[in-house]
Amino acid sequence: MAKRKIIKIDSDKCNGCGLCIPNCPEGAIQMIDKKARLISDLFCDGLGACLGHCPQGAITIEEREAVEYDEKKTMENIVKHGENTIKAHLEHLKSHGQDKYYKEALEFLKERGIDMKVEKPKHVHGGMSGCPGSRMMDFTKEQAGAGDAEGTRQSQLRQWPIQLHLVSPIAPYFQKADVLLSADCVAYTVGDFHKDYLKGKSLAIACPKLDEGKEIYIEKIKSLIDDAKINTLTVMTMEVPCCHGLVALAQEAAQTAKRKIPIKSMIVSLKGKVLSEEWL
């Protein structure tokens, strides 16, 4: 055995949603006793494709003594699941610059008469993590939209504090209000966040990946619905998978609340465009 990077699953944080499993084409994770488990060090390449798909932040990368990752053994497991899984694995290796494993995978496929390769990966990972939410990307060379740069925008924020851990659900500005629950990063990507989305709403912000105490968030959202009797709840999140947990928290709170209110989900691209908008 050698010391290398490998995933670690915190069973206390894992809620058994299973989102990590289809995003581990190597087959290193399985659901056992309603929890995600790393079934074999042999199949885990330590690149972390599964990290960004865990809304609970239960999966991390650690460095420890582990059986060396074996690409050919992994491919024996992968080919059983068909063409789409094979392709996902090849893209995974290519996007992380794992040329050695990529060549080994192609050799394995060639020996079995399977002709498949990935010329250009969908994403190229940078930085220290495989999580899509922390992948390094540089937009500076792209032409920015001109927009209307003149004049001063007036802030539409009508309260303080705004962090969900700090707000009081019974504060007067939440009473019978239209509430915007926004992921932290949204306001930095949407150019006219204040004018187009915050105006006329009370605000709470949170990060479903990095914040602790998510059970407190559920109780606070529930209190906003039942005690503050808010009118509507709009949840704005980024397109990265780890951000979707905020919608899940809002839905869980709504399911346990006595009142029923309209909840809208809005997903924003990394360049500030609204990709989808729907009532849940």
Protein backbone atom coordinates (compact mmCIF):
# COMPACT_ATOMS: atom_id res chain seq x y z
CA MET A 1 0.00 0.00 0.00
CA ALA A 2 1.03 3.61 -0.56
CA LYS A 3 -0.09 6.98 0.79
CA ARG A 4 -2.38 8.68 -1.74
CA LYS A 5 -5.49 10.83 -2.10
CA ILE A 6 -8.81 9.04 -1.73
CA ILE A 7 -12.37 10.02 -0.84
CA LYS A 8 -13.70 9.96 2.69
CA ILE A 9 -17.45 9.72 3.43
CA ASP A 10 -18.79 11.11 6.70
CA SER A 11 -21.64 8.73 7.50
CA ASP A 12 -23.09 11.17 10.06
CA LYS A 13 -23.53 13.85 7.38
CA CYS A 14 -24.68 11.46 4.63
CA ASN A 15 -28.48 11.48 4.28
CA GLY A 16 -28.62 8.62 1.79
CA CYS A 17 -29.78 10.72 -1.18
CA GLY A 18 -27.54 8.71 -3.53
CA LEU A 19 -26.58 11.65 -5.80
CA CYS A 20 -22.91 10.69 -5.55
CA ILE A 21 -23.37 7.19 -6.98
CA PRO A 22 -24.20 7.97 -10.65
CA ASN A 23 -21.38 10.52 -10.56
CA CYS A 24 -18.80 7.90 -9.65
CA PRO A 25 -18.42 5.99 -12.93
CA GLU A 26 -15.61 3.94 -11.36
CA GLY A 27 -18.19 2.21 -9.13
CA ALA A 28 -16.30 2.94 -5.91
CA ILE A 29 -19.44 4.05 -4.04
CA GLN A 30 -22.53 1.99 -3.22
CA MET A 31 -25.55 2.49 -0.97
CA ILE A 32 -25.31 0.19 2.06
CA ASP A 33 -27.76 0.46 4.97
CA LYS A 34 -29.12 3.70 3.46
CA LYS A 35 -25.68 5.35 3.52
CA ALA A 36 -23.12 5.96 0.76
CA ARG A 37 -20.07 3.78 1.35
CA LEU A 38 -16.65 3.52 -0.30
CA ILE A 39 -16.69 -0.18 -1.16
CA SER A 40 -13.11 -0.47 -2.40
CA ASP A 41 -9.98 1.70 -2.32
CA LEU A 42 -9.02 -0.13 -5.51
CA PHE A 43 -11.73 1.65 -7.55
CA CYS A 44 -11.33 5.18 -6.11
CA ASP A 45 -8.99 7.35 -8.19
CA GLY A 46 -9.10 10.17 -5.62
CA LEU A 47 -9.99 12.82 -8.21
CA GLY A 48 -13.25 13.72 -6.49
CA ALA A 49 -15.86 13.71 -9.26
CA CYS A 50 -18.43 12.83 -6.59
CA LEU A 51 -17.66 15.76 -4.27
CA GLY A 52 -19.78 18.42 -5.94
CA HIS A 53 -22.81 16.13 -6.14
CA CYS A 54 -23.17 15.77 -2.36
CA PRO A 55 -25.58 18.43 -1.03
CA GLN A 56 -24.61 17.56 2.56
CA GLY A 57 -20.86 18.04 2.13
CA ALA A 58 -20.34 14.49 3.41
CA ILE A 59 -17.59 13.63 0.91
CA THR A 60 -14.08 15.00 1.20
CA ILE A 61 -10.62 14.07 -0.05
CA GLU A 62 -8.07 12.76 2.42
CA GLU A 63 -4.53 11.45 2.09
CA ARG A 64 -3.95 8.07 3.71
CA GLU A 65 -2.52 4.60 3.22
CA ALA A 66 -4.63 2.89 0.56
CA VAL A 67 -4.45 0.16 -2.04
CA GLU A 68 -3.12 1.66 -5.27
CA TYR A 69 -5.81 2.60 -7.78
CA ASP A 70 -5.97 0.03 -10.59
CA GLU A 71 -7.33 1.36 -13.89
CA LYS A 72 -7.72 -2.05 -15.54
CA LYS A 73 -9.58 -3.52 -12.56
CA THR A 74 -11.77 -0.43 -12.55
CA MET A 75 -12.49 -0.82 -16.28
CA GLU A 76 -13.62 -4.41 -15.69
CA ASN A 77 -16.22 -2.98 -13.35
CA ILE A 78 -17.16 -0.07 -15.63
CA VAL A 79 -17.78 -1.98 -18.89
CA LYS A 80 -20.54 -3.95 -17.18
CA HIS A 81 -22.60 -0.76 -17.02
CA GLY A 82 -22.53 0.09 -20.72
CA GLU A 83 -21.40 2.76 -23.14
CA ASN A 84 -22.58 5.84 -21.24
CA THR A 85 -20.69 4.84 -18.08
CA ILE A 86 -17.55 4.10 -20.08
CA LYS A 87 -17.78 7.49 -21.78
CA ALA A 88 -18.34 9.28 -18.46
CA HIS A 89 -15.24 7.61 -17.02
CA LEU A 90 -13.08 8.53 -20.02
CA GLU A 91 -14.26 12.16 -19.83
CA HIS A 92 -13.52 12.12 -16.12
CA LEU A 93 -9.93 11.00 -16.68
CA LYS A 94 -9.37 13.34 -19.62
CA SER A 95 -10.73 16.42 -17.83
CA HIS A 96 -8.38 15.82 -14.88
CA GLY A 97 -5.35 15.38 -17.14
CA GLN A 98 -4.89 11.74 -16.11
CA ASP A 99 -3.20 10.72 -19.37
CA LYS A 100 -1.65 7.56 -17.92
CA TYR A 101 -4.97 6.14 -16.71
CA TYR A 102 -6.71 7.35 -19.90
CA LYS A 103 -4.25 5.39 -22.08
CA GLU A 104 -4.63 2.32 -19.87
CA ALA A 105 -8.40 2.55 -20.24
CA LEU A 106 -8.18 2.81 -24.03
CA GLU A 107 -5.82 -0.18 -24.12
CA PHE A 108 -8.28 -2.18 -22.06
CA LEU A 109 -11.14 -1.27 -24.41
CA LYS A 110 -9.03 -2.04 -27.50
CA GLU A 111 -8.21 -5.52 -26.17
CA ARG A 112 -11.95 -6.18 -25.95
CA GLY A 113 -12.78 -4.72 -29.35
CA ILE A 114 -14.49 -1.61 -27.99
CA ASP A 115 -13.67 1.51 -29.99
CA MET A 116 -14.28 4.61 -27.89
CA LYS A 117 -12.31 7.72 -27.01
CA VAL A 118 -12.88 11.28 -25.87
CA GLU A 119 -11.21 13.92 -28.04
CA LYS A 120 -12.19 16.94 -25.95
CA PRO A 121 -13.52 16.82 -22.39
CA LYS A 122 -16.58 18.86 -21.50
CA HIS A 123 -14.73 20.52 -18.62
CA VAL A 124 -11.10 20.87 -17.65
CA HIS A 125 -10.52 20.80 -13.93
CA GLY A 126 -8.09 23.12 -12.23
CA GLY A 127 -7.15 24.01 -8.68
CA MET A 128 -7.02 21.55 -5.82
CA SER A 129 -10.44 19.93 -6.00
CA GLY A 130 -12.57 17.90 -8.36
CA CYS A 131 -15.72 19.65 -7.20
CA PRO A 132 -17.38 21.62 -10.03
CA GLY A 133 -18.19 24.38 -7.55
CA SER A 134 -14.52 25.04 -6.79
CA ARG A 135 -13.09 24.46 -10.27
CA MET A 136 -10.76 27.24 -11.44
CA MET A 137 -12.07 29.17 -14.46
CA ASP A 138 -10.90 32.45 -15.99
CA PHE A 139 -13.41 34.70 -17.80
CA THR A 140 -11.10 37.69 -18.26
CA LYS A 141 -10.33 36.96 -21.91
CA GLU A 142 -13.99 36.84 -22.85
CA GLN A 143 -15.77 39.94 -24.11
CA ALA A 144 -17.98 41.32 -21.36
CA GLY A 145 -21.38 42.76 -22.24
CA ALA A 146 -21.40 46.54 -22.34
CA GLY A 147 -24.69 47.00 -20.48
CA ASP A 148 -25.54 50.34 -18.92
CA ALA A 149 -22.48 51.32 -16.91
CA GLU A 150 -23.58 54.91 -16.27
CA GLY A 151 -25.24 56.18 -13.12
CA THR A 152 -25.39 54.72 -9.62
CA ARG A 153 -27.59 51.77 -8.76
CA GLN A 154 -29.54 52.21 -5.55
CA SER A 155 -29.33 49.27 -3.15
CA GLN A 156 -32.59 47.37 -2.78
CA LEU A 157 -31.52 45.76 0.49
CA ARG A 158 -34.04 46.71 3.16
CA GLN A 159 -32.78 44.84 6.23
CA TRP A 160 -29.81 43.56 8.25
CA PRO A 161 -28.58 40.92 8.98
CA ILE A 162 -29.00 38.74 5.91
CA GLN A 163 -27.07 35.51 6.66
CA LEU A 164 -29.59 32.78 7.39
CA HIS A 165 -27.89 31.79 10.65
CA LEU A 166 -28.20 35.38 11.87
CA VAL A 167 -31.67 36.45 10.72
CA SER A 168 -34.67 36.25 12.99
CA PRO A 169 -37.71 34.71 11.25
CA ILE A 170 -40.01 36.87 13.38
CA ALA A 171 -38.34 40.15 12.36
CA PRO A 172 -40.93 42.69 11.12
CA TYR A 173 -39.47 42.85 7.60
CA PHE A 174 -40.24 39.14 7.10
CA GLN A 175 -43.90 39.42 8.11
CA LYS A 176 -46.10 38.45 5.14
CA ALA A 177 -43.20 39.29 2.81
CA ASP A 178 -41.99 37.89 -0.47
CA VAL A 179 -38.67 36.32 0.55
CA LEU A 180 -35.56 35.70 -1.55
CA LEU A 181 -33.34 32.88 -0.28
CA SER A 182 -30.11 33.23 -2.24
CA ALA A 183 -26.93 31.19 -2.40
CA ASP A 184 -24.00 33.39 -1.38
CA CYS A 185 -22.41 33.52 -4.86
CA VAL A 186 -25.52 34.56 -6.81
CA ALA A 187 -25.29 38.29 -6.15
CA TYR A 188 -21.69 38.33 -7.44
CA THR A 189 -22.62 36.77 -10.78
CA VAL A 190 -25.92 38.48 -11.61
CA GLY A 191 -25.16 42.02 -12.78
CA ASP A 192 -28.56 43.49 -11.90
CA PHE A 193 -29.27 41.32 -8.86
CA HIS A 194 -30.65 44.24 -6.81
CA LYS A 195 -32.82 45.74 -9.55
CA ASP A 196 -34.19 42.53 -11.05
CA TYR A 197 -34.43 40.10 -8.15
CA LEU A 198 -33.97 41.71 -4.73
CA LYS A 199 -36.27 44.72 -5.17
CA GLY A 200 -39.40 44.40 -3.05
CA LYS A 201 -38.19 41.27 -1.24
CA SER A 202 -36.71 40.42 2.12
CA LEU A 203 -33.45 38.51 1.91
CA ALA A 204 -31.64 35.57 3.46
CA ILE A 205 -28.37 34.13 2.13
CA ALA A 206 -26.67 30.78 2.74
CA CYS A 207 -24.11 28.38 1.30
CA PRO A 208 -25.38 24.78 1.20
CA LYS A 209 -21.84 23.44 0.70
CA LEU A 210 -19.75 25.31 3.28
CA ASP A 211 -22.23 26.32 6.00
CA GLU A 212 -22.74 24.11 9.04
CA GLY A 213 -25.96 23.60 10.98
CA LYS A 214 -28.26 22.84 8.06
CA GLU A 215 -30.90 21.51 10.46
CA ILE A 216 -31.05 25.05 11.88
CA TYR A 217 -31.64 26.38 8.37
CA ILE A 218 -34.58 24.02 7.94
CA GLU A 219 -36.13 25.22 11.20
CA LYS A 220 -35.64 28.87 10.25
CA ILE A 221 -37.25 28.45 6.83
CA LYS A 222 -40.11 26.57 8.46
CA SER A 223 -40.52 29.45 10.93
CA LEU A 224 -40.56 31.96 8.08
CA ILE A 225 -43.44 30.02 6.56
CA ASP A 226 -45.45 29.38 9.73
CA ASP A 227 -44.57 32.25 12.06
CA ALA A 228 -43.73 35.12 9.72
CA LYS A 229 -46.42 33.89 7.32
CA ILE A 230 -44.32 34.86 4.32
CA ASN A 231 -46.15 35.17 1.03
CA THR A 232 -43.72 33.48 -1.39
CA LEU A 233 -40.22 32.01 -1.27
CA THR A 234 -37.81 32.33 -4.21
CA VAL A 235 -34.65 30.23 -4.00
CA MET A 236 -31.79 31.39 -6.24
CA THR A 237 -28.84 29.03 -6.67
CA MET A 238 -25.83 28.61 -8.91
CA GLU A 239 -25.65 25.93 -11.60
CA VAL A 240 -22.93 23.97 -9.76
CA PRO A 241 -24.29 20.70 -8.27
CA CYS A 242 -23.31 21.45 -4.67
CA CYS A 243 -25.57 24.53 -4.72
CA HIS A 244 -28.74 22.51 -5.33
CA GLY A 245 -28.80 21.55 -1.65
CA LEU A 246 -30.33 24.94 -0.82
CA VAL A 247 -33.46 24.06 -2.79
CA ALA A 248 -33.59 20.70 -1.00
CA LEU A 249 -33.43 22.47 2.38
CA ALA A 250 -36.29 24.80 1.40
CA GLN A 251 -38.41 21.89 0.20
CA GLU A 252 -37.76 19.89 3.36
CA ALA A 253 -38.76 22.88 5.49
CA ALA A 254 -41.89 23.42 3.41
CA GLN A 255 -42.92 19.79 3.81
CA THR A 256 -42.80 20.05 7.60
CA ALA A 257 -44.45 23.47 7.77
CA LYS A 258 -48.16 23.81 8.60
CA ARG A 259 -48.77 26.46 5.93
CA LYS A 260 -48.30 25.93 2.21
CA ILE A 261 -46.70 28.68 0.14
CA PRO A 262 -45.51 29.01 -3.47
CA ILE A 263 -41.80 28.22 -3.84
CA LYS A 264 -39.85 29.18 -6.94
CA SER A 265 -36.44 27.78 -7.91
CA MET A 266 -34.11 29.85 -10.09
CA ILE A 267 -30.76 28.52 -11.31
CA VAL A 268 -28.06 30.96 -12.41
CA SER A 269 -25.08 30.27 -14.68
CA LEU A 270 -21.51 31.11 -13.72
CA LYS A 271 -21.78 34.14 -16.01
CA GLY A 272 -24.95 35.46 -14.42
CA LYS A 273 -27.65 34.25 -16.80
CA VAL A 274 -30.83 32.65 -15.46
CA LEU A 275 -30.80 29.10 -16.83
CA SER A 276 -34.13 27.96 -15.40
CA GLU A 277 -37.03 29.34 -13.42
CA GLU A 278 -39.85 27.15 -12.12
CA TRP A 279 -42.42 26.89 -9.37
CA LEU A 280 -41.91 23.76 -7.30
